[in-house]
Protein backbone atom coordinates (compact mmCIF):
# COMPACT_ATOMS: atom_id res chain seq x y z
CA MET A 1 20.92 -23.64 -18.23
CA LYS A 2 18.00 -22.62 -16.01
CA LYS A 3 15.98 -19.68 -17.32
CA ASN A 4 15.48 -16.67 -15.06
CA LEU A 5 12.87 -14.04 -14.37
CA VAL A 6 13.85 -10.50 -13.36
CA LEU A 7 11.33 -8.77 -11.08
CA VAL A 8 11.55 -5.01 -10.57
CA GLN A 9 10.17 -3.20 -7.52
CA PRO A 10 9.81 0.50 -8.38
CA GLY A 11 10.53 3.36 -6.03
CA ILE A 12 7.57 5.19 -4.47
CA GLY A 13 8.55 8.78 -3.81
CA ASP A 14 8.59 9.80 -0.15
CA MET A 15 6.34 7.06 1.28
CA ASP A 16 9.32 5.58 3.13
CA MET A 17 10.97 8.89 4.00
CA PHE A 18 10.18 8.54 7.71
CA ARG A 19 11.53 4.98 7.82
CA ASP A 20 15.11 3.81 7.60
CA LYS A 21 14.23 0.90 5.31
CA PRO A 22 11.45 0.11 2.85
CA THR A 23 8.92 -2.65 3.30
CA PRO A 24 9.71 -5.94 1.55
CA PRO A 25 8.41 -6.25 -2.05
CA LEU A 26 5.69 -8.66 -0.94
CA GLY A 27 3.55 -8.30 -4.05
CA LEU A 28 6.43 -9.36 -6.28
CA LEU A 29 7.47 -12.15 -3.95
CA ALA A 30 3.95 -13.54 -3.76
CA ALA A 31 3.60 -13.38 -7.55
CA ALA A 32 6.84 -15.36 -7.90
CA SER A 33 5.88 -18.08 -5.40
CA VAL A 34 4.95 -20.63 -8.08
CA ALA A 35 7.40 -19.53 -10.78
CA CYS A 36 10.41 -19.69 -8.45
CA ARG A 37 10.05 -23.48 -8.32
CA GLU A 38 10.99 -23.67 -11.99
CA PHE A 39 12.91 -20.45 -12.67
CA GLU A 40 15.69 -18.52 -11.04
CA VAL A 41 14.06 -15.31 -9.80
CA ARG A 42 16.14 -12.17 -9.46
CA VAL A 43 14.66 -9.13 -7.70
CA VAL A 44 15.81 -5.56 -8.39
CA ASP A 45 14.49 -2.98 -5.93
CA GLN A 46 14.79 0.68 -6.88
CA ARG A 47 14.12 1.71 -3.27
CA LEU A 48 17.34 0.19 -1.93
CA PRO A 49 20.54 2.23 -1.75
CA GLY A 50 22.85 1.87 -4.70
CA ASP A 51 22.72 2.07 -8.49
CA TRP A 52 19.54 0.27 -9.54
CA ARG A 53 20.50 0.52 -13.22
CA ALA A 54 23.69 -1.40 -12.54
CA ALA A 55 21.70 -3.94 -10.52
CA LEU A 56 19.24 -4.37 -13.39
CA ALA A 57 22.02 -4.82 -15.90
CA ALA A 58 23.64 -7.45 -13.67
CA ALA A 59 20.34 -9.31 -13.27
CA ILE A 60 19.52 -9.52 -16.98
CA ASP A 61 21.38 -11.99 -19.17
CA ALA A 62 20.88 -14.26 -22.19
CA ASP A 63 18.75 -16.65 -20.12
CA THR A 64 16.25 -14.02 -18.97
CA ALA A 65 12.78 -15.18 -20.01
CA ALA A 66 11.03 -11.92 -18.99
CA VAL A 67 11.47 -8.71 -17.02
CA CYS A 68 8.47 -8.00 -14.78
CA PHE A 69 7.22 -4.81 -13.15
CA THR A 70 4.62 -4.00 -10.51
CA ALA A 71 3.08 -0.63 -9.70
CA MET A 72 0.36 1.06 -7.72
CA THR A 73 -1.33 4.10 -9.22
CA GLY A 74 0.96 7.09 -8.79
CA GLN A 75 4.70 7.68 -8.66
CA MET A 76 5.53 3.98 -8.77
CA ILE A 77 4.41 3.97 -12.41
CA THR A 78 6.91 6.69 -13.31
CA ARG A 79 9.74 4.76 -11.68
CA ALA A 80 8.61 1.49 -13.27
CA LEU A 81 8.62 3.13 -16.70
CA GLU A 82 12.21 4.29 -16.11
CA ALA A 83 13.19 0.70 -15.35
CA ALA A 84 11.22 -0.64 -18.33
CA ARG A 85 13.02 1.72 -20.71
CA GLU A 86 16.34 0.58 -19.30
CA ALA A 87 15.32 -3.09 -19.58
CA ARG A 88 14.24 -2.58 -23.19
CA ARG A 89 17.69 -1.19 -23.91
CA LEU A 90 19.38 -4.16 -22.24
CA THR A 91 17.37 -7.11 -23.56
CA ALA A 92 14.89 -8.36 -26.13
CA ALA A 93 13.11 -10.36 -23.41
CA PRO A 94 9.41 -9.49 -23.02
CA LEU A 95 8.34 -6.86 -20.51
CA VAL A 96 5.51 -8.00 -18.21
CA TRP A 97 3.41 -5.66 -16.04
CA GLY A 98 1.30 -6.60 -13.05
CA GLY A 99 0.21 -5.22 -9.70
CA ILE A 100 -2.74 -3.09 -8.71
CA HIS A 101 -2.72 -0.39 -11.38
CA ALA A 102 -2.17 -2.70 -14.34
CA SER A 103 -4.89 -4.99 -12.97
CA LEU A 104 -7.41 -2.15 -12.70
CA LEU A 105 -6.68 -0.76 -16.18
CA PRO A 106 -5.21 -3.79 -17.97
CA GLU A 107 -6.11 -2.83 -21.52
CA GLN A 108 -4.61 0.64 -21.18
CA ALA A 109 -1.45 -0.79 -19.60
CA ALA A 110 -1.15 -3.50 -22.26
CA ALA A 111 -1.38 -0.87 -25.02
CA HIS A 112 1.83 0.83 -23.84
CA GLU A 113 4.92 0.34 -25.96
CA LEU A 114 6.88 -0.76 -22.88
CA ALA A 115 4.42 -3.54 -22.03
CA ASP A 116 4.40 -6.82 -23.94
CA TYR A 117 2.15 -8.60 -21.45
CA VAL A 118 -0.06 -7.62 -18.51
CA VAL A 119 -1.04 -9.99 -15.71
CA GLU A 120 -4.47 -8.92 -14.49
CA GLY A 121 -5.18 -9.80 -10.87
CA GLU A 122 -3.28 -12.30 -8.78
CA GLY A 123 -0.05 -13.34 -10.43
CA GLU A 124 1.02 -16.63 -8.87
CA ASN A 125 -0.36 -19.08 -11.46
CA ALA A 126 -0.64 -16.68 -14.40
CA LEU A 127 2.97 -15.51 -14.20
CA ALA A 128 4.29 -19.05 -13.83
CA GLU A 129 2.37 -20.27 -16.89
CA LEU A 130 3.43 -17.25 -18.94
CA ALA A 131 7.07 -17.81 -17.98
CA ARG A 132 6.86 -21.48 -18.98
CA ARG A 133 5.54 -20.62 -22.42
CA LEU A 134 8.03 -17.81 -22.97
CA ALA A 135 10.92 -20.06 -21.94
CA SER A 136 9.81 -22.85 -24.30
CA GLY A 137 8.78 -20.63 -27.18
CA ALA A 138 5.16 -21.81 -26.96
CA ASP A 139 2.10 -19.75 -27.93
CA THR A 140 1.24 -17.36 -25.07
CA ALA A 141 -2.40 -16.84 -26.04
CA GLY A 142 -5.16 -18.21 -23.86
CA ILE A 143 -3.61 -17.88 -20.40
CA PRO A 144 -6.36 -16.78 -18.00
CA GLY A 145 -5.64 -13.28 -16.74
CA VAL A 146 -2.76 -12.55 -19.15
CA TRP A 147 -3.19 -9.77 -21.71
CA PHE A 148 -0.99 -9.86 -24.80
CA LYS A 149 -0.70 -7.97 -28.07
CA ARG A 150 -2.21 -9.29 -31.29
CA ASP A 151 -1.37 -7.26 -34.39
CA GLY A 152 -0.06 -4.56 -32.06
CA ARG A 153 -3.30 -4.27 -30.09
CA PRO A 154 -4.15 -5.57 -26.60
CA SER A 155 -6.03 -8.84 -26.63
CA ALA A 156 -8.27 -9.61 -23.66
CA PRO A 157 -7.78 -12.96 -21.93
CA ALA A 158 -10.28 -15.22 -20.28
CA PRO A 159 -10.73 -14.08 -16.67
CA GLN A 160 -8.92 -16.06 -14.02
CA GLU A 161 -10.61 -17.28 -10.87
CA LEU A 162 -9.62 -15.90 -7.49
CA LEU A 163 -6.99 -18.14 -5.93
CA ASP A 164 -7.37 -20.39 -2.91
CA VAL A 165 -4.91 -18.75 -0.52
CA ASN A 166 -4.66 -21.96 1.52
CA ALA A 167 -3.38 -23.87 -1.51
CA LEU A 168 -0.65 -21.40 -2.49
CA PRO A 169 3.03 -21.96 -1.73
CA PRO A 170 4.52 -19.84 1.06
CA VAL A 171 5.80 -16.41 0.07
CA PRO A 172 9.44 -16.91 -1.02
CA TYR A 173 11.08 -14.39 1.29
CA HIS A 174 14.41 -16.07 0.55
CA LEU A 175 14.51 -14.40 -2.88
CA VAL A 176 15.65 -11.16 -1.23
CA ASP A 177 17.97 -10.22 1.60
CA MET A 178 15.41 -9.57 4.33
CA GLU A 179 17.98 -7.71 6.42
CA ARG A 180 17.70 -4.88 3.91
CA TYR A 181 14.01 -4.57 4.81
CA ALA A 182 14.28 -5.07 8.57
CA GLN A 183 12.19 -2.31 10.14
CA THR A 184 11.66 -1.72 13.83
CA TYR A 185 8.63 -0.50 15.74
CA ASN A 186 9.43 0.97 19.14
CA GLY A 187 12.79 -0.76 18.95
CA ARG A 188 11.38 -4.22 18.10
CA ARG A 189 12.11 -5.90 14.78
CA MET A 190 9.07 -6.47 12.57
CA PHE A 191 8.33 -9.07 9.94
CA PHE A 192 5.71 -8.40 7.25
CA TYR A 193 3.12 -11.11 6.63
CA GLN A 194 -0.30 -11.28 4.96
CA SER A 195 -2.79 -13.78 6.37
CA SER A 196 -5.81 -12.84 4.23
CA ARG A 197 -6.72 -11.06 1.01
CA GLY A 198 -9.64 -8.80 0.28
CA CYS A 199 -12.49 -7.29 2.25
CA PRO A 200 -16.28 -7.65 1.94
CA CYS A 201 -17.01 -4.01 2.83
CA ARG A 202 -18.45 -1.88 0.03
CA CYS A 203 -16.54 1.38 0.47
CA ALA A 204 -16.84 3.50 -2.68
CA TYR A 205 -13.21 4.64 -2.65
CA CYS A 206 -11.53 1.24 -2.30
CA TYR A 207 -10.00 -0.76 -5.16
CA ASN A 208 -10.64 -4.03 -3.34
CA ARG A 209 -14.15 -4.31 -4.73
CA ALA A 210 -12.63 -4.68 -8.19
CA PHE A 211 -9.32 -6.38 -7.41
CA SER A 212 -10.62 -8.91 -4.88
CA ARG A 213 -14.24 -8.78 -6.08
CA GLY A 214 -15.47 -7.86 -2.63
CA ARG A 215 -14.45 -11.19 -1.13
CA LEU A 216 -12.40 -12.07 1.91
CA ARG A 217 -10.09 -15.06 1.44
CA ALA A 218 -8.29 -16.00 4.62
CA LYS A 219 -5.62 -18.55 5.39
CA HIS A 220 -6.58 -21.04 8.08
CA ALA A 221 -5.32 -19.94 11.48
CA ASP A 222 -3.22 -23.07 11.95
CA LEU A 223 -1.49 -22.49 8.59
CA VAL A 224 -0.78 -18.87 9.51
CA LEU A 225 0.75 -19.84 12.83
CA ARG A 226 2.78 -22.66 11.33
CA GLU A 227 4.24 -20.39 8.64
CA ILE A 228 5.03 -17.62 11.11
CA LYS A 229 6.72 -20.07 13.47
CA GLU A 230 8.91 -21.33 10.60
CA LEU A 231 9.73 -17.77 9.55
CA ARG A 232 10.66 -16.81 13.11
CA GLU A 233 13.12 -19.72 13.18
CA LYS A 234 14.80 -18.32 10.06
CA TYR A 235 14.53 -14.58 10.63
CA ASP A 236 15.07 -12.54 13.77
CA PHE A 237 11.89 -10.67 14.73
CA SER A 238 9.60 -10.15 17.70
CA LEU A 239 6.70 -8.37 15.97
CA VAL A 240 4.55 -9.53 13.07
CA TYR A 241 3.12 -6.81 10.84
CA LEU A 242 -0.15 -8.36 9.61
CA LEU A 243 -0.96 -6.75 6.27
CA ASP A 244 -4.58 -7.90 6.13
CA ASP A 245 -7.10 -5.44 4.70
CA ASN A 246 -9.63 -6.09 7.50
CA PHE A 247 -8.31 -8.41 10.19
CA PHE A 248 -11.37 -8.85 12.45
CA ILE A 249 -13.97 -9.73 9.80
CA ASP A 250 -13.71 -13.34 11.02
CA GLN A 251 -13.37 -12.62 14.72
CA GLY A 252 -12.88 -16.24 15.80
CA ARG A 253 -10.02 -16.76 13.35
CA ALA A 254 -8.46 -13.42 14.33
CA MET A 255 -8.49 -14.25 18.04
CA THR A 256 -7.05 -17.72 17.39
CA ILE A 257 -4.15 -16.15 15.49
CA LEU A 258 -3.51 -13.60 18.26
CA LYS A 259 -3.55 -16.35 20.89
CA GLY A 260 -1.10 -18.36 18.81
CA LEU A 261 1.23 -15.38 18.39
CA LYS A 262 1.12 -14.77 22.11
CA ALA A 263 2.11 -18.41 22.71
CA LEU A 264 5.04 -17.90 20.32
CA GLY A 265 6.12 -14.82 22.25
CA LEU A 266 5.34 -12.53 19.32
CA GLY A 267 3.53 -9.22 19.30
CA CYS A 268 1.86 -7.76 16.23
CA VAL A 269 0.88 -4.67 14.29
CA LEU A 270 -2.52 -4.80 12.56
CA GLN A 271 -2.72 -3.07 9.20
CA GLY A 272 -6.49 -2.91 8.71
CA VAL A 273 -9.47 -2.72 11.08
CA ASP A 274 -12.90 -1.19 10.46
CA ILE A 275 -15.22 0.56 12.89
CA GLU A 276 -18.06 -1.96 12.82
CA THR A 277 -15.88 -5.01 13.52
CA LEU A 278 -14.24 -3.10 16.38
CA ALA A 279 -17.70 -2.47 17.81
CA ARG A 280 -18.24 -6.24 17.98
CA LEU A 281 -15.20 -6.61 20.23
CA SER A 282 -15.96 -6.42 23.93
CA ASP A 283 -13.84 -4.49 26.42
CA ALA A 284 -12.51 -7.88 27.55
CA ASP A 285 -11.48 -8.54 23.94
CA LEU A 286 -9.58 -5.24 23.87
CA ASP A 287 -7.90 -6.21 27.14
CA PHE A 288 -6.84 -9.45 25.47
CA LEU A 289 -5.45 -7.55 22.48
CA GLU A 290 -3.13 -5.70 24.86
CA GLU A 291 -2.18 -8.91 26.67
CA ALA A 292 -1.54 -10.69 23.38
CA GLY A 293 0.95 -8.04 22.31
CA VAL A 294 -0.97 -5.98 19.76
CA VAL A 295 1.11 -2.81 19.74
CA ARG A 296 -0.70 -0.90 16.99
CA LEU A 297 -3.77 -1.10 14.79
CA ALA A 298 -4.99 1.06 11.94
CA ILE A 299 -8.59 2.23 11.56
CA GLY A 300 -10.04 3.64 8.35
CA VAL A 301 -12.10 6.50 9.79
CA GLU A 302 -11.80 8.52 6.53
CA SER A 303 -14.25 11.35 7.32
CA GLY A 304 -15.55 13.30 10.28
CA VAL A 305 -18.89 14.03 8.59
CA ASP A 306 -21.79 11.58 8.50
CA ARG A 307 -23.07 12.81 5.13
CA VAL A 308 -19.69 12.28 3.51
CA ARG A 309 -19.30 8.84 5.07
CA ARG A 310 -22.76 7.77 3.97
CA GLU A 311 -23.37 9.48 0.62
CA ILE A 312 -19.87 9.75 -0.87
CA LEU A 313 -17.77 7.03 0.73
CA ASN A 314 -20.54 4.45 1.19
CA LYS A 315 -18.90 3.68 4.51
CA SER A 316 -20.70 1.73 7.19
CA GLY A 317 -20.93 2.99 10.74
CA SER A 318 -21.86 6.46 11.89
CA LEU A 319 -19.50 9.18 13.07
CA GLU A 320 -20.84 8.63 16.59
CA LEU A 321 -19.85 4.97 16.37
CA ALA A 322 -16.41 5.90 15.01
CA ARG A 323 -15.84 8.38 17.84
CA ALA A 324 -16.93 5.84 20.45
CA GLN A 325 -14.70 3.05 19.10
CA VAL A 326 -11.61 5.24 18.84
CA ALA A 327 -12.19 6.53 22.39
CA ARG A 328 -12.13 2.96 23.73
CA PHE A 329 -8.36 2.97 23.19
CA LYS A 330 -7.73 6.04 25.34
CA GLY A 331 -5.19 5.15 28.00
CA ARG A 332 -4.38 1.79 26.45
CA SER A 333 -0.91 0.68 25.40
CA ILE A 334 -2.07 0.05 21.82
CA ALA A 335 -1.21 2.78 19.34
CA VAL A 336 -4.16 3.66 17.11
CA LEU A 337 -3.51 5.00 13.62
CA CYS A 338 -6.53 6.67 12.03
CA SER A 339 -6.67 7.46 8.32
CA PHE A 340 -8.63 10.36 6.80
CA ILE A 341 -9.39 11.43 3.22
CA VAL A 342 -10.30 15.00 2.21
CA GLY A 343 -11.06 16.74 -1.07
CA LEU A 344 -13.68 14.20 -2.16
CA PRO A 345 -16.03 15.00 -5.04
CA GLY A 346 -19.07 16.74 -3.60
CA GLU A 347 -17.38 17.47 -0.27
CA THR A 348 -17.63 21.11 0.88
CA LEU A 349 -14.87 23.19 2.43
CA THR A 350 -16.83 23.24 5.68
CA GLU A 351 -16.96 19.43 5.68
CA ILE A 352 -13.23 19.21 4.97
CA ARG A 353 -12.50 21.48 7.94
CA GLU A 354 -14.81 19.39 10.12
CA THR A 355 -12.91 16.22 9.21
CA MET A 356 -9.64 17.93 10.08
CA ARG A 357 -11.06 19.08 13.42
CA PHE A 358 -12.18 15.54 14.17
CA GLY A 359 -8.72 14.20 13.38
CA MET A 360 -7.09 16.70 15.71
CA GLU A 361 -9.68 15.84 18.35
CA ILE A 362 -8.56 12.21 18.13
CA LEU A 363 -4.90 13.15 18.54
CA LYS A 364 -5.77 15.01 21.73
CA LEU A 365 -7.03 11.76 23.29
CA GLY A 366 -3.46 10.74 24.06
CA ASP A 367 0.04 10.05 22.82
CA ASN A 368 -0.98 6.61 21.54
CA PHE A 369 -3.06 8.10 18.69
CA ARG A 370 -1.67 8.72 15.20
CA ILE A 371 -2.78 10.40 11.98
CA PRO A 372 -0.08 10.01 9.29
CA GLN A 373 -1.59 12.97 7.43
CA PHE A 374 -4.87 14.02 5.89
CA TYR A 375 -4.71 12.39 2.48
CA ILE A 376 -5.99 14.31 -0.54
CA PHE A 377 -8.43 12.17 -2.46
CA ALA A 378 -7.36 10.86 -5.84
CA PRO A 379 -9.84 8.52 -7.57
CA TYR A 380 -8.48 5.01 -8.04
CA PRO A 381 -9.49 3.10 -11.16
CA GLY A 382 -11.88 0.29 -10.37
CA THR A 383 -13.63 2.13 -7.54
CA GLU A 384 -17.28 3.22 -7.38
CA ILE A 385 -16.30 6.89 -7.12
CA TYR A 386 -14.07 6.60 -10.20
CA ALA A 387 -16.87 4.98 -12.21
CA GLY A 388 -19.31 7.68 -11.13
CA LEU A 389 -16.93 10.44 -12.18
CA GLU A 390 -16.40 8.75 -15.55
CA ARG A 391 -20.16 8.67 -16.08
CA LYS A 392 -20.23 12.42 -15.40
CA GLY A 393 -17.63 12.99 -18.12
CA VAL A 394 -14.52 13.49 -16.01
CA ALA A 395 -11.46 12.78 -18.15
CA PHE A 396 -8.82 10.51 -16.64
CA PRO A 397 -5.29 9.83 -17.91
CA GLY A 398 -5.02 7.79 -21.06
CA ARG A 399 -1.40 6.68 -20.62
CA LEU A 400 0.78 5.25 -17.89
CA GLU A 401 2.97 8.37 -17.91
CA ASP A 402 0.04 10.54 -16.85
CA TRP A 403 -1.11 8.14 -14.12
CA GLY A 404 2.43 8.33 -12.78
CA ARG A 405 1.84 11.97 -11.86
CA TYR A 406 -0.82 11.04 -9.31
CA GLU A 407 0.44 11.82 -5.82
CA TRP A 408 -1.32 12.02 -2.46
CA ASP A 409 0.23 15.42 -1.73
CA TYR A 410 -1.56 17.11 -4.66
CA SER A 411 -5.21 17.71 -5.48
CA HIS A 412 -6.01 16.23 -8.88
CA MET A 413 -9.76 16.73 -8.47
CA HIS A 414 -9.75 20.51 -8.04
CA GLU A 415 -7.77 21.87 -10.97
CA GLY A 416 -10.82 24.02 -11.81
CA ASP A 417 -10.97 25.46 -8.29
CA PRO A 418 -7.52 26.93 -7.54
CA SER A 419 -8.42 28.19 -4.08
CA MET A 420 -9.67 24.77 -2.95
CA LYS A 421 -6.66 23.07 -4.51
CA ASP A 422 -4.28 25.47 -2.78
CA PHE A 423 -5.98 25.03 0.61
CA LEU A 424 -5.93 21.21 0.38
CA GLU A 425 -2.28 21.03 -0.60
CA ARG A 426 -1.15 23.44 2.12
CA ALA A 427 -3.29 21.93 4.89
CA CYS A 428 -2.39 18.35 4.02
CA PHE A 429 1.30 19.18 3.94
CA VAL A 430 1.09 20.64 7.44
CA SER A 431 -0.85 17.60 8.66
CA LYS A 432 2.20 15.35 8.11
CA PHE A 433 3.66 16.78 11.31
CA LEU A 434 0.77 16.53 13.78
CA ASP A 435 1.43 13.16 15.41
CA ARG A 436 4.39 11.38 16.99
CA LYS A 437 5.25 9.03 14.12
CA MET A 438 8.96 9.69 14.58
CA ASP A 439 8.76 7.92 17.94
CA ASP A 440 7.50 4.72 16.35
CA TYR A 441 10.02 3.76 13.72
CA GLY A 442 13.18 5.36 15.02
CA ALA A 443 13.87 6.53 11.50
CA GLY A 444 15.98 9.36 10.23
CA SER A 445 18.95 11.18 11.61
CA ALA A 446 18.90 13.00 14.92
CA ALA A 447 18.75 16.25 12.97
CA LEU A 448 15.67 15.15 11.03
CA ARG A 449 13.91 14.05 14.21
CA ALA A 450 14.76 17.34 15.91
CA LEU A 451 13.41 19.33 12.95
CA TYR A 452 10.21 17.28 12.98
CA TYR A 453 9.47 17.90 16.65
CA LEU A 454 10.51 21.56 16.53
CA TYR A 455 8.03 22.11 13.72
CA ARG A 456 5.19 20.10 15.28
CA PRO A 457 3.75 22.90 17.50
CA LEU A 458 3.76 25.26 14.52
CA ALA A 459 1.95 22.64 12.43
CA TRP A 460 -0.77 22.39 15.10
CA PHE A 461 -1.06 26.19 15.20
CA ARG A 462 -1.30 26.49 11.44
CA LEU A 463 -3.98 23.84 11.02
CA ARG A 464 -5.99 24.95 14.05
CA THR A 465 -6.05 28.62 13.00
CA GLY A 466 -5.98 28.21 9.23
CA PHE A 467 -2.84 30.37 9.03
CA LEU A 468 -1.38 28.54 6.04
CA LYS A 469 0.20 31.39 4.08
CA PRO A 470 3.06 31.93 3.64
CA LEU A 471 4.39 28.39 3.97
CA PRO A 472 8.17 28.47 3.36
CA GLU A 473 8.62 25.17 5.25
CA ARG A 474 6.87 23.40 2.37
CA TRP A 475 9.73 24.48 0.11
CA GLY A 476 12.25 23.22 2.66
CA TYR A 477 10.47 19.89 2.89
CA GLY A 478 10.67 19.59 -0.90
CA LEU A 479 14.43 20.02 -0.71
CA LEU A 480 14.65 17.35 1.98
CA LYS A 481 12.50 14.97 -0.06
CA ASN A 482 14.68 15.43 -3.14
CA PHE A 483 17.75 14.89 -1.00
CA PHE A 484 16.40 11.59 0.33
CA ARG A 485 15.50 10.45 -3.17
CA ALA A 486 18.97 11.31 -4.46
CA THR A 487 20.80 9.60 -1.62
CA ALA A 488 18.58 6.50 -1.88
CA HIS A 489 19.26 6.02 -5.57
């Protein structure tokens, strides 16, 4: 009988609270793209409604070769550990960890009692080879990128090379029911697709420098368009959500893809764009973006202070350039989502307030501008900032359980400064309600949408004036968040 692999997608707190459905588990699906040719792959998603424990028990049987987990740093780890404990109770099959966090701290992850193996980096070839050896009872040592335990201790593998994305099989979307992940943007159905991996920028806060080694690897434009055309024939969608880290690095390729999507009658949402590549686009190029059906793009602005951008974030492009590029979208039909980080090491309270003022200034440019919230900085393993803090003696978690407590709503860097910590957590909570995100995804009940927009003017008042105490609405939001978690699981 054919052996199977069980892949578990952990829950992620309230990231999807403002959306009716979660995004597809693309990391897991991509990792399974080679293995699914030889093994039956069963996906269990904790984010979907229903009893995930029952789903896990139904997926695991005597022919399960391994149970696999992915996780980003933060709450996903806590949920993955819950699933790993349950899997350990249900089966003697090995437990395999992968994804961003395990790849950035593979030795620490591999030392955990609920991890038998860790796949460091891209999982397509490594997971398939590990599954083959587990299924046949062969020695699992020596697989590039796969950590294992020897005498109870993690054993480091030979590093694996970065993969050629043009040689990989297509992402096996058929392994899940895509209807359960069908999101809409302004009433149009979206389909999630990644056309490139990595980014050559050297931002000090980004994990990509470690995970993708600072390299951009892009699928050829004709391959991208061929795959999307085939997917459109199978799935019903009119928008493509391009999950690339930095879409316009190769401007010629990017424009070819947009032209091809336009010819297919498809619009798109762009996940990642940086200020300097935007500056290389002419006004005629921006006109074409609108004509081609780009409905939204996201820009990593991150700070409204030049010193912070330059000295802490190592981010290219001045604040003046950022302001000018964002302003080019005023009056256009393209929604512009700008991300900001506050609470960075070495950042002053004055600089934090200046970044918040800049974010609110952007929102005043028009209804097509978005700021999901001001995110409180938490140092990611594998980043330049993390390494610098380690050199200064900052102690970071030593176990997966402690990394699971990382959350973007809380300040982990200011435990020794209660007043700064309190300000950041209050201000960043309020910032969730500044923009018009509820218009975009059509998520939530009518009551939730009404509450959001009733509170929005008060949120603006609070952040503009600094009147952040008392904040009883934060308690009410916590109740709502717990309610959504309970009803989702």
